[in-house]
Amino acid sequence: MKVFDLTFKVDHYYIKRSSIVEKIFFNNRTFYAKFERIEEAPSPLLLSQHLDRQYTIALPLVKEGHTNYLVIEYKGDEYQRFYHLIKHLFKTLEVDNYHIYQGKDKERIQVFIVVDNLDLEDAQRVLDMYSDALKSKMVKKWKTLPSLNLPDEYNIVTLPYATL
């Protein structure tokens, strides 16, 4: 499935529901999922319905302990500052293969960093390094995915709505 400049090879997707659809027990914690897993490949029609905001669709980031995308999702008032800060940080770190998108509203920014079949431990290490570099410049109002601290059902990313 192609979404803007991103390509996902998935056999299922998640659709957001208005109520909790599943209780997930993971590492002595309980997660309450509002995203329901649908056991079929996402279609172009589904993507257009997502972009028209009829549904909120998410795709899995982890397959067999590996990922092809690292994601940083920012939500806050300083989204323009975050946008410029992430571009500067990646230029400094010589990270070239990334894409920045707008999430559900203008205060949400999604940064997808393209990696090649990176295992979760390495993904966590790289994301922690990026997050620490960002924390030195602004208050943390972002999350990073995938995470070793989350079950696979939470290592999903909502599809972006527009390019930035």
C-alpha atoms as a PDB file:
ATOM      1  CA  MET A   1       0.000   0.000   0.000  1.00  0.00           C
ATOM      2  CA  LYS A   2       1.341   3.414  -0.978  1.00  0.00           C
ATOM      3  CA  VAL A   3       0.542   6.447   1.203  1.00  0.00           C
ATOM      4  CA  PHE A   4       2.158   9.632  -0.130  1.00  0.00           C
ATOM      5  CA  ASP A   5       5.893   8.701  -0.261  1.00  0.00           C
ATOM      6  CA  LEU A   6       5.532   5.754   2.122  1.00  0.00           C
ATOM      7  CA  THR A   7       5.150   2.118   1.128  1.00  0.00           C
ATOM      8  CA  PHE A   8       3.697  -0.424   3.523  1.00  0.00           C
ATOM      9  CA  LYS A   9       3.641  -4.186   2.962  1.00  0.00           C
ATOM     10  CA  VAL A  10       0.868  -5.259   5.301  1.00  0.00           C
ATOM     11  CA  ASP A  11      -1.825  -7.916   5.344  1.00  0.00           C
ATOM     12  CA  HIS A  12      -3.981  -6.191   7.965  1.00  0.00           C
ATOM     13  CA  TYR A  13      -4.814  -2.730   9.273  1.00  0.00           C
ATOM     14  CA  TYR A  14      -6.441  -1.098  12.273  1.00  0.00           C
ATOM     15  CA  ILE A  15      -9.543   1.078  12.343  1.00  0.00           C
ATOM     16  CA  LYS A  16     -10.287   3.405  15.251  1.00  0.00           C
ATOM     17  CA  ARG A  17     -13.524   2.793  17.094  1.00  0.00           C
ATOM     18  CA  SER A  18     -15.342   5.095  19.508  1.00  0.00           C
ATOM     19  CA  SER A  19     -15.053   2.625  22.390  1.00  0.00           C
ATOM     20  CA  ILE A  20     -12.506   0.167  23.726  1.00  0.00           C
ATOM     21  CA  VAL A  21     -12.360  -2.967  21.586  1.00  0.00           C
ATOM     22  CA  GLU A  22      -9.669  -4.964  23.371  1.00  0.00           C
ATOM     23  CA  LYS A  23      -7.819  -5.245  26.668  1.00  0.00           C
ATOM     24  CA  ILE A  24      -4.144  -6.119  26.164  1.00  0.00           C
ATOM     25  CA  PHE A  25      -1.922  -7.374  28.978  1.00  0.00           C
ATOM     26  CA  PHE A  26       1.776  -6.687  28.364  1.00  0.00           C
ATOM     27  CA  ASN A  27       4.733  -6.487  30.787  1.00  0.00           C
ATOM     28  CA  ASN A  28       2.520  -6.255  33.887  1.00  0.00           C
ATOM     29  CA  ARG A  29       0.520  -3.422  32.335  1.00  0.00           C
ATOM     30  CA  THR A  30      -2.957  -3.250  30.861  1.00  0.00           C
ATOM     31  CA  PHE A  31      -3.570  -1.422  27.592  1.00  0.00           C
ATOM     32  CA  TYR A  32      -7.024  -0.499  26.352  1.00  0.00           C
ATOM     33  CA  ALA A  33      -7.129  -0.477  22.566  1.00  0.00           C
ATOM     34  CA  LYS A  34      -9.577   1.623  20.587  1.00  0.00           C
ATOM     35  CA  PHE A  35      -8.139   0.369  17.310  1.00  0.00           C
ATOM     36  CA  GLU A  36      -9.723  -2.803  15.957  1.00  0.00           C
ATOM     37  CA  ARG A  37      -7.555  -5.146  13.895  1.00  0.00           C
ATOM     38  CA  ILE A  38      -9.035  -5.926  10.473  1.00  0.00           C
ATOM     39  CA  GLU A  39      -7.634  -9.077   8.866  1.00  0.00           C
ATOM     40  CA  GLU A  40      -7.398  -7.878   5.278  1.00  0.00           C
ATOM     41  CA  ALA A  41      -5.071  -5.704   3.263  1.00  0.00           C
ATOM     42  CA  PRO A  42      -6.012  -2.006   3.179  1.00  0.00           C
ATOM     43  CA  SER A  43      -7.522  -0.817  -0.097  1.00  0.00           C
ATOM     44  CA  PRO A  44      -7.219   2.451  -2.035  1.00  0.00           C
ATOM     45  CA  LEU A  45     -10.870   3.149  -1.149  1.00  0.00           C
ATOM     46  CA  LEU A  46     -10.031   2.801   2.541  1.00  0.00           C
ATOM     47  CA  LEU A  47      -7.152   5.249   2.149  1.00  0.00           C
ATOM     48  CA  SER A  48      -9.414   7.802   0.450  1.00  0.00           C
ATOM     49  CA  GLN A  49     -11.992   7.374   3.242  1.00  0.00           C
ATOM     50  CA  HIS A  50      -9.222   8.003   5.776  1.00  0.00           C
ATOM     51  CA  LEU A  51      -8.084  11.143   3.938  1.00  0.00           C
ATOM     52  CA  ASP A  52     -11.727  12.317   3.846  1.00  0.00           C
ATOM     53  CA  ARG A  53     -11.782  11.737   7.626  1.00  0.00           C
ATOM     54  CA  GLN A  54     -14.583   9.169   7.465  1.00  0.00           C
ATOM     55  CA  TYR A  55     -12.366   6.669   9.312  1.00  0.00           C
ATOM     56  CA  THR A  56      -9.095   6.788  11.195  1.00  0.00           C
ATOM     57  CA  ILE A  57      -6.813   4.075   9.856  1.00  0.00           C
ATOM     58  CA  ALA A  58      -3.545   2.847  11.338  1.00  0.00           C
ATOM     59  CA  LEU A  59      -0.985   0.375  10.021  1.00  0.00           C
ATOM     60  CA  PRO A  60       1.396  -1.890  11.926  1.00  0.00           C
ATOM     61  CA  LEU A  61       5.033  -0.824  12.177  1.00  0.00           C
ATOM     62  CA  VAL A  62       6.412  -4.153  13.378  1.00  0.00           C
ATOM     63  CA  LYS A  63       6.554  -7.427  11.483  1.00  0.00           C
ATOM     64  CA  GLU A  64       8.379 -10.397  13.027  1.00  0.00           C
ATOM     65  CA  GLY A  65      10.360  -8.128  15.369  1.00  0.00           C
ATOM     66  CA  HIS A  66      11.567  -5.757  12.619  1.00  0.00           C
ATOM     67  CA  THR A  67      10.480  -2.422  11.183  1.00  0.00           C
ATOM     68  CA  ASN A  68      11.025  -0.382   8.016  1.00  0.00           C
ATOM     69  CA  TYR A  69      10.009   2.948   9.555  1.00  0.00           C
ATOM     70  CA  LEU A  70      10.921   4.825  12.695  1.00  0.00           C
ATOM     71  CA  VAL A  71       8.250   7.355  13.631  1.00  0.00           C
ATOM     72  CA  ILE A  72       8.312  10.482  15.753  1.00  0.00           C
ATOM     73  CA  GLU A  73       4.854  11.930  16.400  1.00  0.00           C
ATOM     74  CA  TYR A  74       4.669  15.444  17.820  1.00  0.00           C
ATOM     75  CA  LYS A  75       1.502  16.966  19.252  1.00  0.00           C
ATOM     76  CA  GLY A  76       1.689  20.450  20.695  1.00  0.00           C
ATOM     77  CA  ASP A  77       1.520  24.190  20.219  1.00  0.00           C
ATOM     78  CA  GLU A  78       5.085  24.535  18.989  1.00  0.00           C
ATOM     79  CA  TYR A  79       4.600  22.338  15.928  1.00  0.00           C
ATOM     80  CA  GLN A  80       6.302  24.856  13.594  1.00  0.00           C
ATOM     81  CA  ARG A  81       9.338  25.014  15.850  1.00  0.00           C
ATOM     82  CA  PHE A  82       9.410  21.209  16.045  1.00  0.00           C
ATOM     83  CA  TYR A  83       9.238  20.975  12.233  1.00  0.00           C
ATOM     84  CA  HIS A  84      12.288  23.211  11.787  1.00  0.00           C
ATOM     85  CA  LEU A  85      14.125  21.608  14.704  1.00  0.00           C
ATOM     86  CA  ILE A  86      13.728  18.092  13.309  1.00  0.00           C
ATOM     87  CA  LYS A  87      14.932  19.229   9.875  1.00  0.00           C
ATOM     88  CA  HIS A  88      17.985  20.860  11.452  1.00  0.00           C
ATOM     89  CA  LEU A  89      18.676  17.830  13.645  1.00  0.00           C
ATOM     90  CA  PHE A  90      18.510  15.425  10.701  1.00  0.00           C
ATOM     91  CA  LYS A  91      20.742  17.668   8.613  1.00  0.00           C
ATOM     92  CA  THR A  92      23.276  17.726  11.449  1.00  0.00           C
ATOM     93  CA  LEU A  93      23.080  13.932  11.886  1.00  0.00           C
ATOM     94  CA  GLU A  94      23.160  13.404   8.102  1.00  0.00           C
ATOM     95  CA  VAL A  95      19.793  11.633   8.077  1.00  0.00           C
ATOM     96  CA  ASP A  96      18.505  12.016   4.525  1.00  0.00           C
ATOM     97  CA  ASN A  97      15.771   9.437   4.098  1.00  0.00           C
ATOM     98  CA  TYR A  98      12.818  10.814   6.047  1.00  0.00           C
ATOM     99  CA  HIS A  99       9.385  12.304   5.358  1.00  0.00           C
ATOM    100  CA  ILE A 100       7.376  14.825   7.382  1.00  0.00           C
ATOM    101  CA  TYR A 101       3.577  14.800   7.337  1.00  0.00           C
ATOM    102  CA  GLN A 102       0.662  16.477   9.020  1.00  0.00           C
ATOM    103  CA  GLY A 103      -1.430  14.305  11.295  1.00  0.00           C
ATOM    104  CA  LYS A 104      -5.106  14.671  12.105  1.00  0.00           C
ATOM    105  CA  ASP A 105      -4.777  18.417  12.807  1.00  0.00           C
ATOM    106  CA  LYS A 106      -2.126  21.086  12.309  1.00  0.00           C
ATOM    107  CA  GLU A 107      -0.669  20.560  15.812  1.00  0.00           C
ATOM    108  CA  ARG A 108       0.266  16.970  14.931  1.00  0.00           C
ATOM    109  CA  ILE A 109       3.413  16.263  12.966  1.00  0.00           C
ATOM    110  CA  GLN A 110       4.503  12.793  11.933  1.00  0.00           C
ATOM    111  CA  VAL A 111       8.109  12.142  10.966  1.00  0.00           C
ATOM    112  CA  PHE A 112       8.784   8.836   9.189  1.00  0.00           C
ATOM    113  CA  ILE A 113      12.439   7.797   9.022  1.00  0.00           C
ATOM    114  CA  VAL A 114      13.056   5.079   6.450  1.00  0.00           C
ATOM    115  CA  VAL A 115      15.196   2.186   7.716  1.00  0.00           C
ATOM    116  CA  ASP A 116      15.940  -1.207   6.227  1.00  0.00           C
ATOM    117  CA  ASN A 117      14.454  -4.071   8.234  1.00  0.00           C
ATOM    118  CA  LEU A 118      15.773  -2.781  11.578  1.00  0.00           C
ATOM    119  CA  ASP A 119      15.166  -4.968  14.642  1.00  0.00           C
ATOM    120  CA  LEU A 120      13.235  -3.457  17.552  1.00  0.00           C
ATOM    121  CA  GLU A 121      16.195  -3.116  19.905  1.00  0.00           C
ATOM    122  CA  ASP A 122      18.200  -1.132  17.347  1.00  0.00           C
ATOM    123  CA  ALA A 123      15.112   0.911  16.469  1.00  0.00           C
ATOM    124  CA  GLN A 124      14.616   1.792  20.138  1.00  0.00           C
ATOM    125  CA  ARG A 125      18.281   2.800  20.489  1.00  0.00           C
ATOM    126  CA  VAL A 126      18.169   5.084  17.420  1.00  0.00           C
ATOM    127  CA  LEU A 127      14.852   6.649  18.445  1.00  0.00           C
ATOM    128  CA  ASP A 128      16.142   7.276  21.982  1.00  0.00           C
ATOM    129  CA  MET A 129      19.164   9.078  20.508  1.00  0.00           C
ATOM    130  CA  TYR A 130      16.920  11.311  18.346  1.00  0.00           C
ATOM    131  CA  SER A 131      14.563  11.942  21.251  1.00  0.00           C
ATOM    132  CA  ASP A 132      17.424  12.895  23.597  1.00  0.00           C
ATOM    133  CA  ALA A 133      18.778  15.344  21.013  1.00  0.00           C
ATOM    134  CA  LEU A 134      15.310  16.915  20.669  1.00  0.00           C
ATOM    135  CA  LYS A 135      14.815  17.076  24.468  1.00  0.00           C
ATOM    136  CA  SER A 136      17.866  19.305  24.770  1.00  0.00           C
ATOM    137  CA  LYS A 137      16.111  21.911  22.601  1.00  0.00           C
ATOM    138  CA  MET A 138      12.435  21.781  23.611  1.00  0.00           C
ATOM    139  CA  VAL A 139       9.914  20.294  26.030  1.00  0.00           C
ATOM    140  CA  LYS A 140       9.042  16.685  25.147  1.00  0.00           C
ATOM    141  CA  LYS A 141       5.633  16.538  23.496  1.00  0.00           C
ATOM    142  CA  TRP A 142       6.299  13.660  21.134  1.00  0.00           C
ATOM    143  CA  LYS A 143       6.300   9.912  21.142  1.00  0.00           C
ATOM    144  CA  THR A 144       8.475   7.518  19.224  1.00  0.00           C
ATOM    145  CA  LEU A 145       7.431   4.292  17.533  1.00  0.00           C
ATOM    146  CA  PRO A 146       8.033   1.405  17.472  1.00  0.00           C
ATOM    147  CA  SER A 147       8.770   0.845  21.135  1.00  0.00           C
ATOM    148  CA  LEU A 148       9.910  -2.208  23.074  1.00  0.00           C
ATOM    149  CA  ASN A 149       7.665  -1.005  25.920  1.00  0.00           C
ATOM    150  CA  LEU A 150       4.491  -1.438  23.859  1.00  0.00           C
ATOM    151  CA  PRO A 151       2.718  -4.538  22.589  1.00  0.00           C
ATOM    152  CA  ASP A 152       2.616  -5.038  18.811  1.00  0.00           C
ATOM    153  CA  GLU A 153      -1.035  -3.889  18.800  1.00  0.00           C
ATOM    154  CA  TYR A 154       0.180  -0.488  20.048  1.00  0.00           C
ATOM    155  CA  ASN A 155       3.169  -0.289  17.697  1.00  0.00           C
ATOM    156  CA  ILE A 156       0.896   1.046  14.998  1.00  0.00           C
ATOM    157  CA  VAL A 157       0.867   4.413  13.290  1.00  0.00           C
ATOM    158  CA  THR A 158      -2.113   6.429  12.149  1.00  0.00           C
ATOM    159  CA  LEU A 159      -1.809   7.254   8.481  1.00  0.00           C
ATOM    160  CA  PRO A 160      -0.862  10.864   7.734  1.00  0.00           C
ATOM    161  CA  TYR A 161      -3.315  13.313   6.203  1.00  0.00           C
ATOM    162  CA  ALA A 162      -1.045  15.695   4.237  1.00  0.00           C
ATOM    163  CA  THR A 163       2.572  16.285   3.319  1.00  0.00           C
ATOM    164  CA  LEU A 164       4.537  19.162   4.814  1.00  0.00           C
END
